[in-house]
Amino acid sequence: MILNFNDDEKKLLKMAEITFDPSKDYSDDEILELADVLFDMEMEYEERPTTDKKAMKLANDFSDLVDRLQNMLPEE
């Protein structure tokens, strides 16, 4: 599957040190792998104090991106 990300999503991928190729046809397993890495990033920011508003926003943004990737996959 060819994946398209907006600029904000691309920044999240970069923060997670994920190299994204917009012309690549990603397999379901590769999409799951991306989602797993992004989920780890979500958890990293989620564990910070709730007073850290930037961390909470990043955790939320990573969560949204993980959800988006998972929704692209066929249901088993």
PDB file of N, CA and C in Angstrom:
ATOM      1  N   MET A   1       0.836  -1.155   0.000  1.00  0.00           N
ATOM      2  CA  MET A   1       0.000   0.000   0.000  1.00  0.00           C
ATOM      3  C   MET A   1       0.895   1.237   0.000  1.00  0.00           C
ATOM      4  N   ILE A   2       0.568   2.175  -0.842  1.00  0.00           N
ATOM      5  CA  ILE A   2       1.284   3.454  -0.877  1.00  0.00           C
ATOM      6  C   ILE A   2       0.729   4.322   0.248  1.00  0.00           C
ATOM      7  N   LEU A   3       1.601   4.857   1.074  1.00  0.00           N
ATOM      8  CA  LEU A   3       1.182   5.680   2.204  1.00  0.00           C
ATOM      9  C   LEU A   3       1.425   7.150   1.899  1.00  0.00           C
ATOM     10  N   ASN A   4       0.482   7.963   2.301  1.00  0.00           N
ATOM     11  CA  ASN A   4       0.610   9.409   2.163  1.00  0.00           C
ATOM     12  C   ASN A   4       0.468  10.035   3.539  1.00  0.00           C
ATOM     13  N   PHE A   5       1.425  10.862   3.883  1.00  0.00           N
ATOM     14  CA  PHE A   5       1.399  11.543   5.172  1.00  0.00           C
ATOM     15  C   PHE A   5       1.449  13.041   4.960  1.00  0.00           C
ATOM     16  N   ASN A   6       0.763  13.772   5.847  1.00  0.00           N
ATOM     17  CA  ASN A   6       0.856  15.230   5.771  1.00  0.00           C
ATOM     18  C   ASN A   6       2.161  15.668   6.455  1.00  0.00           C
ATOM     19  N   ASP A   7       2.446  16.949   6.421  1.00  0.00           N
ATOM     20  CA  ASP A   7       3.723  17.447   6.954  1.00  0.00           C
ATOM     21  C   ASP A   7       3.876  17.169   8.446  1.00  0.00           C
ATOM     22  N   ASP A   8       2.794  17.310   9.211  1.00  0.00           N
ATOM     23  CA  ASP A   8       2.860  17.047  10.646  1.00  0.00           C
ATOM     24  C   ASP A   8       3.160  15.576  10.913  1.00  0.00           C
ATOM     25  N   GLU A   9       2.538  14.696  10.151  1.00  0.00           N
ATOM     26  CA  GLU A   9       2.786  13.264  10.308  1.00  0.00           C
ATOM     27  C   GLU A   9       4.218  12.916   9.920  1.00  0.00           C
ATOM     28  N   LYS A  10       4.733  13.560   8.892  1.00  0.00           N
ATOM     29  CA  LYS A  10       6.121  13.326   8.486  1.00  0.00           C
ATOM     30  C   LYS A  10       7.089  13.746   9.586  1.00  0.00           C
ATOM     31  N   LYS A  11       6.752  14.819  10.317  1.00  0.00           N
ATOM     32  CA  LYS A  11       7.593  15.257  11.434  1.00  0.00           C
ATOM     33  C   LYS A  11       7.596  14.196  12.542  1.00  0.00           C
ATOM     34  N   LEU A  12       6.438  13.596  12.776  1.00  0.00           N
ATOM     35  CA  LEU A  12       6.355  12.539  13.788  1.00  0.00           C
ATOM     36  C   LEU A  12       7.194  11.336  13.368  1.00  0.00           C
ATOM     37  N   LEU A  13       7.131  10.971  12.100  1.00  0.00           N
ATOM     38  CA  LEU A  13       7.942   9.864  11.596  1.00  0.00           C
ATOM     39  C   LEU A  13       9.426  10.162  11.801  1.00  0.00           C
ATOM     40  N   LYS A  14       9.809  11.383  11.511  1.00  0.00           N
ATOM     41  CA  LYS A  14      11.216  11.781  11.669  1.00  0.00           C
ATOM     42  C   LYS A  14      11.630  11.721  13.142  1.00  0.00           C
ATOM     43  N   MET A  15      10.748  12.173  14.032  1.00  0.00           N
ATOM     44  CA  MET A  15      11.041  12.111  15.471  1.00  0.00           C
ATOM     45  C   MET A  15      11.254  10.667  15.918  1.00  0.00           C
ATOM     46  N   ALA A  16      10.522   9.744  15.293  1.00  0.00           N
ATOM     47  CA  ALA A  16      10.634   8.325  15.628  1.00  0.00           C
ATOM     48  C   ALA A  16      11.768   7.649  14.853  1.00  0.00           C
ATOM     49  N   GLU A  17      12.513   8.458  14.092  1.00  0.00           N
ATOM     50  CA  GLU A  17      13.642   7.970  13.285  1.00  0.00           C
ATOM     51  C   GLU A  17      13.201   6.924  12.267  1.00  0.00           C
ATOM     52  N   ILE A  18      12.037   7.169  11.685  1.00  0.00           N
ATOM     53  CA  ILE A  18      11.501   6.297  10.631  1.00  0.00           C
ATOM     54  C   ILE A  18      11.763   6.967   9.290  1.00  0.00           C
ATOM     55  N   THR A  19      12.417   6.237   8.417  1.00  0.00           N
ATOM     56  CA  THR A  19      12.634   6.728   7.064  1.00  0.00           C
ATOM     57  C   THR A  19      11.431   6.327   6.228  1.00  0.00           C
ATOM     58  N   PHE A  20      10.797   7.302   5.642  1.00  0.00           N
ATOM     59  CA  PHE A  20       9.576   7.075   4.881  1.00  0.00           C
ATOM     60  C   PHE A  20       9.841   7.302   3.400  1.00  0.00           C
ATOM     61  N   ASP A  21       9.431   6.341   2.589  1.00  0.00           N
ATOM     62  CA  ASP A  21       9.566   6.441   1.134  1.00  0.00           C
ATOM     63  C   ASP A  21       8.157   6.562   0.547  1.00  0.00           C
ATOM     64  N   PRO A  22       7.782   7.749   0.063  1.00  0.00           N
ATOM     65  CA  PRO A  22       6.417   7.951  -0.445  1.00  0.00           C
ATOM     66  C   PRO A  22       6.086   7.131  -1.690  1.00  0.00           C
ATOM     67  N   SER A  23       7.086   6.577  -2.340  1.00  0.00           N
ATOM     68  CA  SER A  23       6.818   5.786  -3.542  1.00  0.00           C
ATOM     69  C   SER A  23       6.787   4.286  -3.254  1.00  0.00           C
ATOM     70  N   LYS A  24       7.107   3.910  -2.025  1.00  0.00           N
ATOM     71  CA  LYS A  24       7.174   2.493  -1.672  1.00  0.00           C
ATOM     72  C   LYS A  24       5.784   1.902  -1.460  1.00  0.00           C
ATOM     73  N   ASP A  25       5.630   0.668  -1.898  1.00  0.00           N
ATOM     74  CA  ASP A  25       4.402  -0.089  -1.675  1.00  0.00           C
ATOM     75  C   ASP A  25       4.606  -0.899  -0.388  1.00  0.00           C
ATOM     76  N   TYR A  26       4.066  -0.406   0.723  1.00  0.00           N
ATOM     77  CA  TYR A  26       4.262  -1.034   2.027  1.00  0.00           C
ATOM     78  C   TYR A  26       3.337  -2.230   2.207  1.00  0.00           C
ATOM     79  N   SER A  27       3.887  -3.312   2.747  1.00  0.00           N
ATOM     80  CA  SER A  27       3.079  -4.496   3.048  1.00  0.00           C
ATOM     81  C   SER A  27       2.333  -4.260   4.367  1.00  0.00           C
ATOM     82  N   ASP A  28       1.361  -5.100   4.636  1.00  0.00           N
ATOM     83  CA  ASP A  28       0.624  -5.012   5.903  1.00  0.00           C
ATOM     84  C   ASP A  28       1.577  -5.164   7.082  1.00  0.00           C
ATOM     85  N   ASP A  29       2.536  -6.080   6.971  1.00  0.00           N
ATOM     86  CA  ASP A  29       3.506  -6.291   8.052  1.00  0.00           C
ATOM     87  C   ASP A  29       4.368  -5.047   8.278  1.00  0.00           C
ATOM     88  N   GLU A  30       4.756  -4.391   7.205  1.00  0.00           N
ATOM     89  CA  GLU A  30       5.568  -3.170   7.337  1.00  0.00           C
ATOM     90  C   GLU A  30       4.755  -2.046   7.980  1.00  0.00           C
ATOM     91  N   ILE A  31       3.484  -1.959   7.649  1.00  0.00           N
ATOM     92  CA  ILE A  31       2.620  -0.945   8.254  1.00  0.00           C
ATOM     93  C   ILE A  31       2.465  -1.230   9.750  1.00  0.00           C
ATOM     94  N   LEU A  32       2.299  -2.503  10.100  1.00  0.00           N
ATOM     95  CA  LEU A  32       2.215  -2.876  11.517  1.00  0.00           C
ATOM     96  C   LEU A  32       3.504  -2.526  12.253  1.00  0.00           C
ATOM     97  N   GLU A  33       4.624  -2.742  11.592  1.00  0.00           N
ATOM     98  CA  GLU A  33       5.921  -2.415  12.177  1.00  0.00           C
ATOM     99  C   GLU A  33       6.030  -0.910  12.444  1.00  0.00           C
ATOM    100  N   LEU A  34       5.596  -0.107  11.469  1.00  0.00           N
ATOM    101  CA  LEU A  34       5.582   1.350  11.651  1.00  0.00           C
ATOM    102  C   LEU A  34       4.704   1.719  12.835  1.00  0.00           C
ATOM    103  N   ALA A  35       3.523   1.120  12.895  1.00  0.00           N
ATOM    104  CA  ALA A  35       2.584   1.410  13.980  1.00  0.00           C
ATOM    105  C   ALA A  35       3.188   1.040  15.332  1.00  0.00           C
ATOM    106  N   ASP A  36       3.917  -0.057  15.399  1.00  0.00           N
ATOM    107  CA  ASP A  36       4.544  -0.482  16.659  1.00  0.00           C
ATOM    108  C   ASP A  36       5.583   0.535  17.131  1.00  0.00           C
ATOM    109  N   VAL A  37       6.397   1.013  16.216  1.00  0.00           N
ATOM    110  CA  VAL A  37       7.422   2.007  16.571  1.00  0.00           C
ATOM    111  C   VAL A  37       6.751   3.291  17.043  1.00  0.00           C
ATOM    112  N   LEU A  38       5.715   3.708  16.333  1.00  0.00           N
ATOM    113  CA  LEU A  38       5.007   4.934  16.700  1.00  0.00           C
ATOM    114  C   LEU A  38       4.280   4.771  18.033  1.00  0.00           C
ATOM    115  N   PHE A  39       3.767   3.575  18.295  1.00  0.00           N
ATOM    116  CA  PHE A  39       3.115   3.311  19.576  1.00  0.00           C
ATOM    117  C   PHE A  39       4.127   3.438  20.717  1.00  0.00           C
ATOM    118  N   ASP A  40       5.337   2.938  20.499  1.00  0.00           N
ATOM    119  CA  ASP A  40       6.393   3.077  21.510  1.00  0.00           C
ATOM    120  C   ASP A  40       6.675   4.554  21.795  1.00  0.00           C
ATOM    121  N   MET A  41       6.676   5.368  20.755  1.00  0.00           N
ATOM    122  CA  MET A  41       6.890   6.805  20.931  1.00  0.00           C
ATOM    123  C   MET A  41       5.723   7.419  21.709  1.00  0.00           C
ATOM    124  N   GLU A  42       4.514   7.000  21.383  1.00  0.00           N
ATOM    125  CA  GLU A  42       3.344   7.478  22.111  1.00  0.00           C
ATOM    126  C   GLU A  42       3.493   7.185  23.602  1.00  0.00           C
ATOM    127  N   MET A  43       3.892   5.952  23.932  1.00  0.00           N
ATOM    128  CA  MET A  43       4.038   5.558  25.333  1.00  0.00           C
ATOM    129  C   MET A  43       5.145   6.345  26.021  1.00  0.00           C
ATOM    130  N   GLU A  44       6.217   6.625  25.291  1.00  0.00           N
ATOM    131  CA  GLU A  44       7.322   7.403  25.856  1.00  0.00           C
ATOM    132  C   GLU A  44       6.835   8.784  26.294  1.00  0.00           C
ATOM    133  N   TYR A  45       6.048   9.430  25.463  1.00  0.00           N
ATOM    134  CA  TYR A  45       5.537  10.761  25.797  1.00  0.00           C
ATOM    135  C   TYR A  45       4.391  10.688  26.794  1.00  0.00           C
ATOM    136  N   GLU A  46       3.624   9.620  26.756  1.00  0.00           N
ATOM    137  CA  GLU A  46       2.496   9.443  27.673  1.00  0.00           C
ATOM    138  C   GLU A  46       2.967   9.304  29.114  1.00  0.00           C
ATOM    139  N   GLU A  47       4.171   8.770  29.308  1.00  0.00           N
ATOM    140  CA  GLU A  47       4.701   8.534  30.643  1.00  0.00           C
ATOM    141  C   GLU A  47       5.232   9.801  31.310  1.00  0.00           C
ATOM    142  N   ARG A  48       5.328  10.872  30.573  1.00  0.00           N
ATOM    143  CA  ARG A  48       5.827  12.127  31.156  1.00  0.00           C
ATOM    144  C   ARG A  48       4.724  12.777  31.989  1.00  0.00           C
ATOM    145  N   PRO A  49       5.099  13.688  32.876  1.00  0.00           N
ATOM    146  CA  PRO A  49       4.086  14.335  33.733  1.00  0.00           C
ATOM    147  C   PRO A  49       3.009  15.037  32.902  1.00  0.00           C
ATOM    148  N   THR A  50       1.795  14.988  33.394  1.00  0.00           N
ATOM    149  CA  THR A  50       0.680  15.602  32.660  1.00  0.00           C
ATOM    150  C   THR A  50       0.811  17.121  32.588  1.00  0.00           C
ATOM    151  N   THR A  51       1.700  17.682  33.384  1.00  0.00           N
ATOM    152  CA  THR A  51       1.937  19.124  33.309  1.00  0.00           C
ATOM    153  C   THR A  51       2.764  19.493  32.079  1.00  0.00           C
ATOM    154  N   ASP A  52       3.393  18.496  31.459  1.00  0.00           N
ATOM    155  CA  ASP A  52       4.182  18.727  30.245  1.00  0.00           C
ATOM    156  C   ASP A  52       3.225  18.693  29.051  1.00  0.00           C
ATOM    157  N   LYS A  53       2.662  19.851  28.749  1.00  0.00           N
ATOM    158  CA  LYS A  53       1.622  19.945  27.704  1.00  0.00           C
ATOM    159  C   LYS A  53       2.146  19.537  26.323  1.00  0.00           C
ATOM    160  N   LYS A  54       3.406  19.863  26.043  1.00  0.00           N
ATOM    161  CA  LYS A  54       3.979  19.493  24.750  1.00  0.00           C
ATOM    162  C   LYS A  54       4.057  17.972  24.621  1.00  0.00           C
ATOM    163  N   ALA A  55       4.475  17.309  25.692  1.00  0.00           N
ATOM    164  CA  ALA A  55       4.559  15.845  25.673  1.00  0.00           C
ATOM    165  C   ALA A  55       3.177  15.226  25.505  1.00  0.00           C
ATOM    166  N   MET A  56       2.181  15.797  26.176  1.00  0.00           N
ATOM    167  CA  MET A  56       0.821  15.261  26.066  1.00  0.00           C
ATOM    168  C   MET A  56       0.294  15.410  24.634  1.00  0.00           C
ATOM    169  N   LYS A  57       0.607  16.550  24.007  1.00  0.00           N
ATOM    170  CA  LYS A  57       0.174  16.748  22.618  1.00  0.00           C
ATOM    171  C   LYS A  57       0.870  15.755  21.700  1.00  0.00           C
ATOM    172  N   LEU A  58       2.166  15.552  21.908  1.00  0.00           N
ATOM    173  CA  LEU A  58       2.896  14.598  21.073  1.00  0.00           C
ATOM    174  C   LEU A  58       2.364  13.184  21.273  1.00  0.00           C
ATOM    175  N   ALA A  59       2.066  12.816  22.504  1.00  0.00           N
ATOM    176  CA  ALA A  59       1.494  11.487  22.760  1.00  0.00           C
ATOM    177  C   ALA A  59       0.181  11.332  22.008  1.00  0.00           C
ATOM    178  N   ASN A  60      -0.633  12.365  22.033  1.00  0.00           N
ATOM    179  CA  ASN A  60      -1.914  12.350  21.328  1.00  0.00           C
ATOM    180  C   ASN A  60      -1.713  12.264  19.817  1.00  0.00           C
ATOM    181  N   ASP A  61      -0.757  13.030  19.306  1.00  0.00           N
ATOM    182  CA  ASP A  61      -0.475  13.019  17.861  1.00  0.00           C
ATOM    183  C   ASP A  61       0.032  11.643  17.415  1.00  0.00           C
ATOM    184  N   PHE A  62       0.922  11.052  18.201  1.00  0.00           N
ATOM    185  CA  PHE A  62       1.411   9.713  17.867  1.00  0.00           C
ATOM    186  C   PHE A  62       0.257   8.705  17.908  1.00  0.00           C
ATOM    187  N   SER A  63      -0.605   8.839  18.896  1.00  0.00           N
ATOM    188  CA  SER A  63      -1.761   7.945  19.017  1.00  0.00           C
ATOM    189  C   SER A  63      -2.657   8.035  17.778  1.00  0.00           C
ATOM    190  N   ASP A  64      -2.916   9.259  17.339  1.00  0.00           N
ATOM    191  CA  ASP A  64      -3.755   9.454  16.145  1.00  0.00           C
ATOM    192  C   ASP A  64      -3.129   8.804  14.916  1.00  0.00           C
ATOM    193  N   LEU A  65      -1.814   8.934  14.788  1.00  0.00           N
ATOM    194  CA  LEU A  65      -1.132   8.360  13.632  1.00  0.00           C
ATOM    195  C   LEU A  65      -1.135   6.830  13.700  1.00  0.00           C
ATOM    196  N   VAL A  66      -0.946   6.275  14.888  1.00  0.00           N
ATOM    197  CA  VAL A  66      -1.019   4.822  15.055  1.00  0.00           C
ATOM    198  C   VAL A  66      -2.413   4.331  14.662  1.00  0.00           C
ATOM    199  N   ASP A  67      -3.433   5.015  15.141  1.00  0.00           N
ATOM    200  CA  ASP A  67      -4.813   4.641  14.798  1.00  0.00           C
ATOM    201  C   ASP A  67      -5.037   4.690  13.288  1.00  0.00           C
ATOM    202  N   ARG A  68      -4.523   5.729  12.676  1.00  0.00           N
ATOM    203  CA  ARG A  68      -4.693   5.872  11.221  1.00  0.00           C
ATOM    204  C   ARG A  68      -4.044   4.704  10.474  1.00  0.00           C
ATOM    205  N   LEU A  69      -2.838   4.341  10.873  1.00  0.00           N
ATOM    206  CA  LEU A  69      -2.152   3.225  10.224  1.00  0.00           C
ATOM    207  C   LEU A  69      -2.903   1.913  10.450  1.00  0.00           C
ATOM    208  N   GLN A  70      -3.340   1.692  11.676  1.00  0.00           N
ATOM    209  CA  GLN A  70      -4.064   0.448  11.973  1.00  0.00           C
ATOM    210  C   GLN A  70      -5.380   0.363  11.208  1.00  0.00           C
ATOM    211  N   ASN A  71      -6.016   1.495  11.005  1.00  0.00           N
ATOM    212  CA  ASN A  71      -7.277   1.502  10.250  1.00  0.00           C
ATOM    213  C   ASN A  71      -7.088   1.227   8.763  1.00  0.00           C
ATOM    214  N   MET A  72      -5.872   1.347   8.282  1.00  0.00           N
ATOM    215  CA  MET A  72      -5.578   1.042   6.876  1.00  0.00           C
ATOM    216  C   MET A  72      -5.496  -0.451   6.626  1.00  0.00           C
ATOM    217  N   LEU A  73      -5.266  -1.205   7.690  1.00  0.00           N
ATOM    218  CA  LEU A  73      -5.055  -2.642   7.548  1.00  0.00           C
ATOM    219  C   LEU A  73      -6.387  -3.387   7.462  1.00  0.00           C
ATOM    220  N   PRO A  74      -6.402  -4.476   6.707  1.00  0.00           N
ATOM    221  CA  PRO A  74      -7.626  -5.273   6.626  1.00  0.00           C
ATOM    222  C   PRO A  74      -7.906  -5.945   7.969  1.00  0.00           C
ATOM    223  N   GLU A  75      -9.170  -6.067   8.289  1.00  0.00           N
ATOM    224  CA  GLU A  75      -9.536  -6.736   9.537  1.00  0.00           C
ATOM    225  C   GLU A  75      -9.343  -8.230   9.389  1.00  0.00           C
ATOM    226  N   GLU A  76      -8.877  -8.838  10.474  1.00  0.00           N
ATOM    227  CA  GLU A  76      -8.599 -10.283  10.416  1.00  0.00           C
ATOM    228  C   GLU A  76      -9.842 -11.087  10.718  1.00  0.00           C
TER     229      GLU A  76
END
